[in-house]
Amino acid sequence: MTHVQIAGLVSAILGTIGTVILFLASYALQPFIGGFFGSEKVNKRNEDIKVKNANRIRFQRIGLAFLCGSFFIQAVAVFL
């Protein structure tokens, strides 16, 4: 295999992984429940939602980094 073919294969793999991660992380965040002053149960639930949203944001950033890496490798392959 040539360098261009290897770069294209790596780019496709990174792009696929990034797309799957973004799909699974979903773009929409989960909304908070309750009003401004909630009970302890509502506050606990909102803290759980806050943690879940932070995880989604982290996975979205990882997926986007994979996609950007894929585009960068493909751009480099054009000049090989």
C-alpha atoms as a PDB file:
ATOM      1  CA  MET A   1       0.000   0.000   0.000  1.00  0.00           C
ATOM      2  CA  THR A   2       1.156   3.494  -0.736  1.00  0.00           C
ATOM      3  CA  HIS A   3       1.321   6.355   1.739  1.00  0.00           C
ATOM      4  CA  VAL A   4      -1.787   7.923   0.226  1.00  0.00           C
ATOM      5  CA  GLN A   5      -3.789   4.711   0.580  1.00  0.00           C
ATOM      6  CA  ILE A   6      -2.679   4.279   4.195  1.00  0.00           C
ATOM      7  CA  ALA A   7      -3.561   7.890   4.973  1.00  0.00           C
ATOM      8  CA  GLY A   8      -6.965   7.440   3.328  1.00  0.00           C
ATOM      9  CA  LEU A   9      -7.627   4.280   5.323  1.00  0.00           C
ATOM     10  CA  VAL A  10      -6.608   5.919   8.621  1.00  0.00           C
ATOM     11  CA  SER A  11      -8.715   8.953   7.748  1.00  0.00           C
ATOM     12  CA  ALA A  12     -11.761   6.772   7.049  1.00  0.00           C
ATOM     13  CA  ILE A  13     -11.326   4.872  10.306  1.00  0.00           C
ATOM     14  CA  LEU A  14     -10.949   8.057  12.379  1.00  0.00           C
ATOM     15  CA  GLY A  15     -13.935   9.618  10.625  1.00  0.00           C
ATOM     16  CA  THR A  16     -16.087   6.578  11.295  1.00  0.00           C
ATOM     17  CA  ILE A  17     -15.103   6.425  14.963  1.00  0.00           C
ATOM     18  CA  GLY A  18     -15.738  10.153  15.379  1.00  0.00           C
ATOM     19  CA  THR A  19     -19.133   9.927  13.702  1.00  0.00           C
ATOM     20  CA  VAL A  20     -20.219   7.003  15.876  1.00  0.00           C
ATOM     21  CA  ILE A  21     -19.099   8.793  19.044  1.00  0.00           C
ATOM     22  CA  LEU A  22     -20.970  11.949  18.047  1.00  0.00           C
ATOM     23  CA  PHE A  23     -24.063   9.909  17.187  1.00  0.00           C
ATOM     24  CA  LEU A  24     -24.022   8.108  20.531  1.00  0.00           C
ATOM     25  CA  ALA A  25     -23.324  11.288  22.513  1.00  0.00           C
ATOM     26  CA  SER A  26     -26.166  13.110  20.759  1.00  0.00           C
ATOM     27  CA  TYR A  27     -25.992  16.854  20.284  1.00  0.00           C
ATOM     28  CA  ALA A  28     -28.901  17.745  22.566  1.00  0.00           C
ATOM     29  CA  LEU A  29     -28.272  18.007  26.280  1.00  0.00           C
ATOM     30  CA  GLN A  30     -30.809  16.785  28.811  1.00  0.00           C
ATOM     31  CA  PRO A  31     -32.835  19.652  30.312  1.00  0.00           C
ATOM     32  CA  PHE A  32     -32.968  20.299  34.054  1.00  0.00           C
ATOM     33  CA  ILE A  33     -36.187  19.625  35.935  1.00  0.00           C
ATOM     34  CA  GLY A  34     -37.998  21.649  38.559  1.00  0.00           C
ATOM     35  CA  GLY A  35     -37.934  25.300  39.373  1.00  0.00           C
ATOM     36  CA  PHE A  36     -35.221  27.516  40.767  1.00  0.00           C
ATOM     37  CA  PHE A  37     -35.872  26.375  44.343  1.00  0.00           C
ATOM     38  CA  GLY A  38     -36.463  22.637  44.264  1.00  0.00           C
ATOM     39  CA  SER A  39     -36.642  20.011  46.921  1.00  0.00           C
ATOM     40  CA  GLU A  40     -33.634  17.877  47.833  1.00  0.00           C
ATOM     41  CA  LYS A  41     -34.879  15.174  45.469  1.00  0.00           C
ATOM     42  CA  VAL A  42     -35.098  17.633  42.567  1.00  0.00           C
ATOM     43  CA  ASN A  43     -31.686  19.092  43.390  1.00  0.00           C
ATOM     44  CA  LYS A  44     -30.177  15.582  43.472  1.00  0.00           C
ATOM     45  CA  ARG A  45     -31.776  14.772  40.104  1.00  0.00           C
ATOM     46  CA  ASN A  46     -30.444  18.021  38.625  1.00  0.00           C
ATOM     47  CA  GLU A  47     -26.944  17.188  39.859  1.00  0.00           C
ATOM     48  CA  ASP A  48     -27.211  13.798  38.133  1.00  0.00           C
ATOM     49  CA  ILE A  49     -28.334  15.520  34.926  1.00  0.00           C
ATOM     50  CA  LYS A  50     -25.418  17.956  35.235  1.00  0.00           C
ATOM     51  CA  VAL A  51     -22.958  15.037  35.408  1.00  0.00           C
ATOM     52  CA  LYS A  52     -24.592  13.289  32.439  1.00  0.00           C
ATOM     53  CA  ASN A  53     -24.462  16.495  30.389  1.00  0.00           C
ATOM     54  CA  ALA A  54     -20.778  16.963  31.247  1.00  0.00           C
ATOM     55  CA  ASN A  55     -20.101  13.418  30.006  1.00  0.00           C
ATOM     56  CA  ARG A  56     -22.011  14.101  26.782  1.00  0.00           C
ATOM     57  CA  ILE A  57     -20.037  17.279  26.195  1.00  0.00           C
ATOM     58  CA  ARG A  58     -16.761  15.418  26.755  1.00  0.00           C
ATOM     59  CA  PHE A  59     -17.741  12.684  24.290  1.00  0.00           C
ATOM     60  CA  GLN A  60     -18.882  15.309  21.761  1.00  0.00           C
ATOM     61  CA  ARG A  61     -15.474  16.961  21.961  1.00  0.00           C
ATOM     62  CA  ILE A  62     -13.695  13.616  21.569  1.00  0.00           C
ATOM     63  CA  GLY A  63     -15.835  12.727  18.539  1.00  0.00           C
ATOM     64  CA  LEU A  64     -15.217  16.111  16.970  1.00  0.00           C
ATOM     65  CA  ALA A  65     -11.483  15.729  17.576  1.00  0.00           C
ATOM     66  CA  PHE A  66     -11.553  12.387  15.746  1.00  0.00           C
ATOM     67  CA  LEU A  67     -13.386  13.986  12.811  1.00  0.00           C
ATOM     68  CA  CYS A  68     -10.947  16.915  12.695  1.00  0.00           C
ATOM     69  CA  GLY A  69      -8.050  14.456  12.780  1.00  0.00           C
ATOM     70  CA  SER A  70      -9.632  12.596   9.890  1.00  0.00           C
ATOM     71  CA  PHE A  71      -9.894  15.780   7.818  1.00  0.00           C
ATOM     72  CA  PHE A  72      -6.324  16.749   8.674  1.00  0.00           C
ATOM     73  CA  ILE A  73      -4.945  13.362   7.620  1.00  0.00           C
ATOM     74  CA  GLN A  74      -6.915  13.532   4.411  1.00  0.00           C
ATOM     75  CA  ALA A  75      -5.558  17.018   3.702  1.00  0.00           C
ATOM     76  CA  VAL A  76      -2.019  15.761   4.261  1.00  0.00           C
ATOM     77  CA  ALA A  77      -2.711  12.794   1.943  1.00  0.00           C
ATOM     78  CA  VAL A  78      -3.598  15.194  -0.859  1.00  0.00           C
ATOM     79  CA  PHE A  79      -0.070  16.562  -0.801  1.00  0.00           C
ATOM     80  CA  LEU A  80       1.724  13.176  -0.529  1.00  0.00           C
END
